[in-house]
Amino acid sequence: MKLLLFVSPGCPHCPDAERVAKKISPEYYHNGLAYKKIRTRTSEGKELSKNYNIRGVPTIILADDEGNELKRIVGAPSENVLRSEIEKHLGLRKSLFKKLFGGGK
């Protein structure tokens, strides 16, 4: 899974989003998470922004290994929100039902 962080210069909330993404993402590298910061004003950034229909920054895209969008977070998320979304999409979170009644792995 990929965590793509779209940022641009002069964005007041981008440093906060980057700080959270840089802090949280290494915790999940061993689960297959890859982190990439994308500057929207570079040629690669413009192309990826168009592909993912980025309309505002900061935007975090959680994508599968083929690049398909799984989740979009616009704005700077809290550590708990980002961690929760990563765990959910990596399949690391147990459902409330499983927590209460057991079952599964």
Protein backbone atom coordinates (compact mmCIF):
# COMPACT_ATOMS: atom_id res chain seq x y z
CA MET A 1 0.00 0.00 0.00
CA LYS A 2 1.14 3.55 -0.71
CA LEU A 3 0.67 6.74 1.27
CA LEU A 4 0.89 9.67 -1.13
CA LEU A 5 1.06 13.13 0.43
CA PHE A 6 0.31 15.99 -1.97
CA VAL A 7 1.76 19.37 -0.89
CA SER A 8 2.56 22.75 -2.38
CA PRO A 9 4.76 25.67 -1.34
CA GLY A 10 3.09 28.31 0.76
CA CYS A 11 0.41 25.92 2.01
CA PRO A 12 -0.06 26.67 5.72
CA HIS A 13 -1.33 23.18 6.62
CA CYS A 14 1.09 21.10 4.54
CA PRO A 15 3.90 21.09 7.14
CA ASP A 16 1.48 19.67 9.75
CA ALA A 17 0.31 16.94 7.37
CA GLU A 18 3.90 16.10 6.47
CA ARG A 19 4.95 15.94 10.12
CA VAL A 20 2.14 13.47 10.91
CA ALA A 21 2.76 11.35 7.78
CA LYS A 22 6.53 11.19 8.42
CA LYS A 23 5.97 10.23 12.05
CA ILE A 24 3.30 7.55 11.47
CA SER A 25 4.29 5.90 8.17
CA PRO A 26 7.57 4.27 9.37
CA GLU A 27 5.53 2.29 11.92
CA TYR A 28 3.91 0.42 9.00
CA TYR A 29 6.84 -0.08 6.61
CA HIS A 30 7.13 -3.70 7.75
CA ASN A 31 3.45 -4.15 6.78
CA GLY A 32 4.18 -3.02 3.22
CA LEU A 33 3.37 0.70 3.47
CA ALA A 34 5.40 3.03 1.24
CA TYR A 35 5.41 6.81 1.83
CA LYS A 36 5.94 9.42 -0.85
CA LYS A 37 5.67 13.20 -0.66
CA ILE A 38 4.51 14.73 -3.93
CA ARG A 39 5.09 18.39 -4.67
CA THR A 40 2.15 19.46 -6.85
CA ARG A 41 4.15 22.04 -8.81
CA THR A 42 6.72 19.59 -10.21
CA SER A 43 6.09 17.84 -13.52
CA GLU A 44 5.54 14.50 -11.74
CA GLY A 45 3.35 16.23 -9.16
CA LYS A 46 1.20 17.88 -11.81
CA GLU A 47 0.67 14.56 -13.56
CA LEU A 48 -0.17 12.69 -10.35
CA SER A 49 -2.41 15.53 -9.16
CA LYS A 50 -4.35 15.27 -12.41
CA ASN A 51 -4.55 11.45 -12.17
CA TYR A 52 -5.86 11.59 -8.60
CA ASN A 53 -8.02 14.70 -9.18
CA ILE A 54 -6.31 16.66 -6.40
CA ARG A 55 -8.23 19.89 -5.75
CA GLY A 56 -6.68 21.06 -2.49
CA VAL A 57 -3.58 20.53 -0.40
CA PRO A 58 -2.60 18.88 1.76
CA THR A 59 -4.24 15.71 0.48
CA ILE A 60 -3.26 12.22 1.53
CA ILE A 61 -4.14 9.33 -0.75
CA LEU A 62 -3.92 5.76 0.47
CA ALA A 63 -3.54 3.64 -2.65
CA ASP A 64 -3.11 -0.05 -3.34
CA ASP A 65 0.03 -1.34 -5.03
CA GLU A 66 -1.50 -0.74 -8.48
CA GLY A 67 -2.17 2.91 -7.58
CA ASN A 68 -5.93 2.60 -7.11
CA GLU A 69 -7.25 5.05 -4.51
CA LEU A 70 -8.49 3.41 -1.32
CA LYS A 71 -8.95 6.48 0.90
CA ARG A 72 -8.59 10.25 0.57
CA ILE A 73 -7.89 12.58 3.47
CA VAL A 74 -8.02 16.30 2.68
CA GLY A 75 -6.33 18.56 5.21
CA ALA A 76 -3.85 17.72 7.96
CA PRO A 77 -5.10 14.65 9.83
CA SER A 78 -4.42 13.90 13.47
CA GLU A 79 -2.05 11.04 14.22
CA ASN A 80 -4.97 8.91 15.42
CA VAL A 81 -7.01 9.46 12.24
CA LEU A 82 -4.09 8.62 9.96
CA ARG A 83 -3.07 5.59 12.02
CA SER A 84 -6.67 4.33 12.02
CA GLU A 85 -7.05 4.65 8.25
CA ILE A 86 -3.70 2.97 7.57
CA GLU A 87 -4.53 0.08 9.88
CA LYS A 88 -8.00 -0.32 8.40
CA HIS A 89 -6.70 -0.50 4.83
CA LEU A 90 -3.80 -2.79 5.74
CA GLY A 91 -6.26 -5.13 7.45
CA LEU A 92 -4.68 -4.66 10.87
CA ARG A 93 -7.81 -3.50 12.71
CA LYS A 94 -10.24 -5.98 14.14
CA SER A 95 -13.90 -5.16 13.77
CA LEU A 96 -15.89 -4.37 16.91
CA PHE A 97 -17.72 -7.67 16.42
CA LYS A 98 -14.45 -9.62 16.43
CA LYS A 99 -13.18 -7.69 19.45
CA LEU A 100 -16.35 -8.52 21.39
CA PHE A 101 -16.97 -12.09 20.24
CA GLY A 102 -13.59 -13.31 19.00
CA GLY A 103 -13.03 -15.18 15.81
CA GLY A 104 -10.74 -14.50 12.92
CA LYS A 105 -6.99 -14.24 13.25
